Amino acid sequence: MEDEQTRLDLSNQVEASLLEAMLQEDGIPYFMRSYQDRAYGRLWQFQSGWGYVETPTRYASGVRALLELIRRNKTHDS
């Protein structure tokens, strides 16, 4: 039986890239998808955010913590 997946929304490309690097470094399985569409450009991204990351539910709290760390550091850098 496959693991249940948890989906977390991503706000932008920078957030997605940083999270991806952290997940790869920690060896956490994930699938990341952008909402960008060739036909509509970034129309869906403006409405829905950049995209999302899916991870097995057993990793979700760790991925959520990494995402919150990225977001917290972004606001402190501004």
N, C-alpha and C. Protein backbone atom coordinates (compact mmCIF):
# COMPACT_ATOMS: atom_id res chain seq x y z
N MET A 1 0.84 -1.19 0.00
CA MET A 1 0.00 0.00 0.00
C MET A 1 0.89 1.25 0.00
N GLU A 2 0.57 2.19 -0.84
CA GLU A 2 1.36 3.40 -0.95
C GLU A 2 1.05 4.36 0.20
N ASP A 3 2.06 5.18 0.53
CA ASP A 3 1.88 6.18 1.58
C ASP A 3 0.90 7.24 1.12
N GLU A 4 0.15 7.77 2.10
CA GLU A 4 -0.68 8.93 1.80
C GLU A 4 0.25 10.12 1.57
N GLN A 5 -0.19 11.03 0.73
CA GLN A 5 0.62 12.21 0.39
C GLN A 5 0.01 13.45 1.02
N THR A 6 0.86 14.36 1.44
CA THR A 6 0.43 15.66 1.93
C THR A 6 0.92 16.70 0.94
N ARG A 7 0.05 17.64 0.61
CA ARG A 7 0.37 18.69 -0.35
C ARG A 7 0.48 20.03 0.38
N LEU A 8 1.58 20.73 0.14
CA LEU A 8 1.80 22.05 0.73
C LEU A 8 2.00 23.06 -0.39
N ASP A 9 1.32 24.21 -0.28
CA ASP A 9 1.41 25.25 -1.30
C ASP A 9 2.72 26.02 -1.19
N LEU A 10 3.24 26.40 -2.35
CA LEU A 10 4.46 27.19 -2.43
C LEU A 10 4.13 28.55 -3.02
N SER A 11 4.73 29.60 -2.48
CA SER A 11 4.40 30.96 -2.89
C SER A 11 5.13 31.45 -4.13
N ASN A 12 6.39 31.04 -4.29
CA ASN A 12 7.17 31.58 -5.40
C ASN A 12 8.34 30.66 -5.74
N GLN A 13 9.04 30.99 -6.81
CA GLN A 13 10.15 30.17 -7.31
C GLN A 13 11.31 30.10 -6.32
N VAL A 14 11.60 31.21 -5.65
CA VAL A 14 12.71 31.22 -4.69
C VAL A 14 12.41 30.26 -3.54
N GLU A 15 11.21 30.35 -3.00
CA GLU A 15 10.79 29.46 -1.92
C GLU A 15 10.88 28.00 -2.37
N ALA A 16 10.41 27.72 -3.58
CA ALA A 16 10.44 26.37 -4.12
C ALA A 16 11.88 25.87 -4.27
N SER A 17 12.77 26.70 -4.79
CA SER A 17 14.16 26.30 -5.00
C SER A 17 14.88 26.03 -3.68
N LEU A 18 14.66 26.89 -2.70
CA LEU A 18 15.28 26.69 -1.39
C LEU A 18 14.77 25.41 -0.73
N LEU A 19 13.47 25.21 -0.78
CA LEU A 19 12.89 24.00 -0.18
C LEU A 19 13.41 22.76 -0.89
N GLU A 20 13.47 22.79 -2.20
CA GLU A 20 13.95 21.64 -2.96
C GLU A 20 15.39 21.27 -2.56
N ALA A 21 16.24 22.28 -2.41
CA ALA A 21 17.62 22.02 -2.00
C ALA A 21 17.68 21.39 -0.62
N MET A 22 16.84 21.86 0.29
CA MET A 22 16.82 21.32 1.65
C MET A 22 16.30 19.89 1.67
N LEU A 23 15.27 19.61 0.88
CA LEU A 23 14.70 18.26 0.83
C LEU A 23 15.71 17.28 0.24
N GLN A 24 16.41 17.69 -0.80
CA GLN A 24 17.43 16.83 -1.40
C GLN A 24 18.56 16.56 -0.41
N GLU A 25 18.98 17.60 0.29
CA GLU A 25 20.07 17.45 1.26
C GLU A 25 19.68 16.49 2.38
N ASP A 26 18.42 16.55 2.81
CA ASP A 26 17.94 15.69 3.91
C ASP A 26 17.46 14.33 3.44
N GLY A 27 17.42 14.11 2.12
CA GLY A 27 16.98 12.83 1.59
C GLY A 27 15.49 12.57 1.77
N ILE A 28 14.69 13.62 1.80
CA ILE A 28 13.24 13.50 1.97
C ILE A 28 12.59 13.36 0.60
N PRO A 29 11.78 12.33 0.40
CA PRO A 29 11.12 12.17 -0.89
C PRO A 29 10.05 13.24 -1.10
N TYR A 30 9.94 13.71 -2.34
CA TYR A 30 8.98 14.77 -2.64
C TYR A 30 8.67 14.79 -4.14
N PHE A 31 7.61 15.48 -4.46
CA PHE A 31 7.26 15.79 -5.85
C PHE A 31 6.87 17.26 -5.85
N MET A 32 7.47 18.05 -6.73
CA MET A 32 7.19 19.47 -6.78
C MET A 32 6.62 19.82 -8.15
N ARG A 33 5.58 20.67 -8.14
CA ARG A 33 4.95 21.05 -9.40
C ARG A 33 4.63 22.53 -9.40
N SER A 34 4.94 23.18 -10.50
CA SER A 34 4.61 24.59 -10.72
C SER A 34 3.24 24.67 -11.40
N TYR A 35 2.50 25.71 -11.09
CA TYR A 35 1.22 25.94 -11.77
C TYR A 35 1.39 26.64 -13.11
N GLN A 36 2.62 27.01 -13.47
CA GLN A 36 2.82 27.70 -14.74
C GLN A 36 2.38 26.81 -15.89
N ASP A 37 1.71 27.39 -16.83
CA ASP A 37 1.17 26.68 -17.98
C ASP A 37 1.66 27.37 -19.24
N ARG A 38 2.14 26.60 -20.19
CA ARG A 38 2.66 27.20 -21.43
C ARG A 38 1.61 28.02 -22.17
N ALA A 39 0.38 27.58 -22.15
CA ALA A 39 -0.67 28.29 -22.88
C ALA A 39 -1.09 29.59 -22.19
N TYR A 40 -1.11 29.57 -20.86
CA TYR A 40 -1.60 30.73 -20.12
C TYR A 40 -0.50 31.49 -19.39
N GLY A 41 0.73 31.10 -19.58
CA GLY A 41 1.83 31.80 -18.91
C GLY A 41 1.71 31.64 -17.41
N ARG A 42 1.77 32.74 -16.70
CA ARG A 42 1.73 32.70 -15.24
C ARG A 42 0.37 33.05 -14.67
N LEU A 43 -0.66 33.02 -15.47
CA LEU A 43 -2.00 33.36 -15.01
C LEU A 43 -2.41 32.53 -13.80
N TRP A 44 -2.18 31.22 -13.84
CA TRP A 44 -2.57 30.35 -12.71
C TRP A 44 -1.69 30.62 -11.50
N GLN A 45 -0.44 30.99 -11.72
CA GLN A 45 0.45 31.27 -10.60
C GLN A 45 -0.01 32.51 -9.84
N PHE A 46 -0.52 33.51 -10.54
CA PHE A 46 -1.00 34.71 -9.86
C PHE A 46 -2.21 34.40 -9.00
N GLN A 47 -3.03 33.45 -9.43
CA GLN A 47 -4.26 33.12 -8.71
C GLN A 47 -4.03 32.09 -7.61
N SER A 48 -3.11 31.16 -7.82
CA SER A 48 -2.98 30.01 -6.92
C SER A 48 -1.64 29.90 -6.22
N GLY A 49 -0.74 30.83 -6.43
CA GLY A 49 0.60 30.69 -5.88
C GLY A 49 1.51 30.03 -6.91
N TRP A 50 2.76 29.79 -6.56
CA TRP A 50 3.71 29.24 -7.52
C TRP A 50 3.41 27.80 -7.89
N GLY A 51 3.03 27.01 -6.91
CA GLY A 51 2.78 25.59 -7.15
C GLY A 51 2.66 24.86 -5.82
N TYR A 52 3.09 23.61 -5.79
CA TYR A 52 2.99 22.85 -4.55
C TYR A 52 4.09 21.79 -4.48
N VAL A 53 4.26 21.27 -3.27
CA VAL A 53 5.15 20.15 -3.04
C VAL A 53 4.32 19.06 -2.37
N GLU A 54 4.50 17.83 -2.82
CA GLU A 54 3.85 16.68 -2.19
C GLU A 54 4.93 15.81 -1.57
N THR A 55 4.62 15.29 -0.40
CA THR A 55 5.54 14.41 0.30
C THR A 55 4.74 13.36 1.06
N PRO A 56 5.30 12.19 1.29
CA PRO A 56 4.58 11.22 2.11
C PRO A 56 4.20 11.86 3.45
N THR A 57 3.02 11.57 3.93
CA THR A 57 2.49 12.20 5.13
C THR A 57 3.43 12.06 6.33
N ARG A 58 4.15 10.97 6.40
CA ARG A 58 5.06 10.80 7.55
C ARG A 58 6.19 11.83 7.56
N TYR A 59 6.46 12.49 6.43
CA TYR A 59 7.48 13.54 6.36
C TYR A 59 6.88 14.94 6.41
N ALA A 60 5.57 15.05 6.40
CA ALA A 60 4.90 16.34 6.24
C ALA A 60 5.26 17.36 7.32
N SER A 61 5.34 16.94 8.58
CA SER A 61 5.65 17.92 9.62
C SER A 61 7.06 18.48 9.44
N GLY A 62 8.01 17.66 9.02
CA GLY A 62 9.36 18.14 8.78
C GLY A 62 9.43 19.09 7.59
N VAL A 63 8.71 18.76 6.53
CA VAL A 63 8.69 19.62 5.34
C VAL A 63 8.01 20.94 5.68
N ARG A 64 6.93 20.87 6.44
CA ARG A 64 6.22 22.08 6.86
C ARG A 64 7.15 22.97 7.71
N ALA A 65 7.94 22.36 8.59
CA ALA A 65 8.87 23.12 9.43
C ALA A 65 9.94 23.80 8.56
N LEU A 66 10.46 23.10 7.55
CA LEU A 66 11.44 23.70 6.64
C LEU A 66 10.84 24.88 5.88
N LEU A 67 9.61 24.71 5.42
CA LEU A 67 8.93 25.76 4.68
C LEU A 67 8.69 26.99 5.57
N GLU A 68 8.31 26.76 6.81
CA GLU A 68 8.12 27.87 7.74
C GLU A 68 9.44 28.58 8.03
N LEU A 69 10.53 27.82 8.13
CA LEU A 69 11.85 28.40 8.34
C LEU A 69 12.24 29.31 7.18
N ILE A 70 12.00 28.84 5.96
CA ILE A 70 12.28 29.64 4.76
C ILE A 70 11.47 30.92 4.79
N ARG A 71 10.19 30.81 5.08
CA ARG A 71 9.31 31.98 5.09
C ARG A 71 9.67 32.96 6.20
N ARG A 72 10.02 32.45 7.36
CA ARG A 72 10.41 33.31 8.48
C ARG A 72 11.69 34.05 8.17
N ASN A 73 12.67 33.38 7.59
CA ASN A 73 13.94 34.03 7.23
C ASN A 73 13.76 35.06 6.13
N LYS A 74 12.83 34.80 5.22
CA LYS A 74 12.56 35.76 4.14
C LYS A 74 12.02 37.06 4.71
N THR A 75 11.14 36.98 5.69
CA THR A 75 10.56 38.21 6.25
C THR A 75 11.58 38.95 7.12
N HIS A 76 12.53 38.24 7.72
CA HIS A 76 13.56 38.90 8.52
C HIS A 76 14.61 39.58 7.65
N ASP A 77 14.80 39.08 6.42
CA ASP A 77 15.78 39.68 5.52
C ASP A 77 15.29 40.97 4.89
N SER A 78 13.98 41.16 4.87
CA SER A 78 13.41 42.35 4.21
C SER A 78 13.62 43.61 5.01
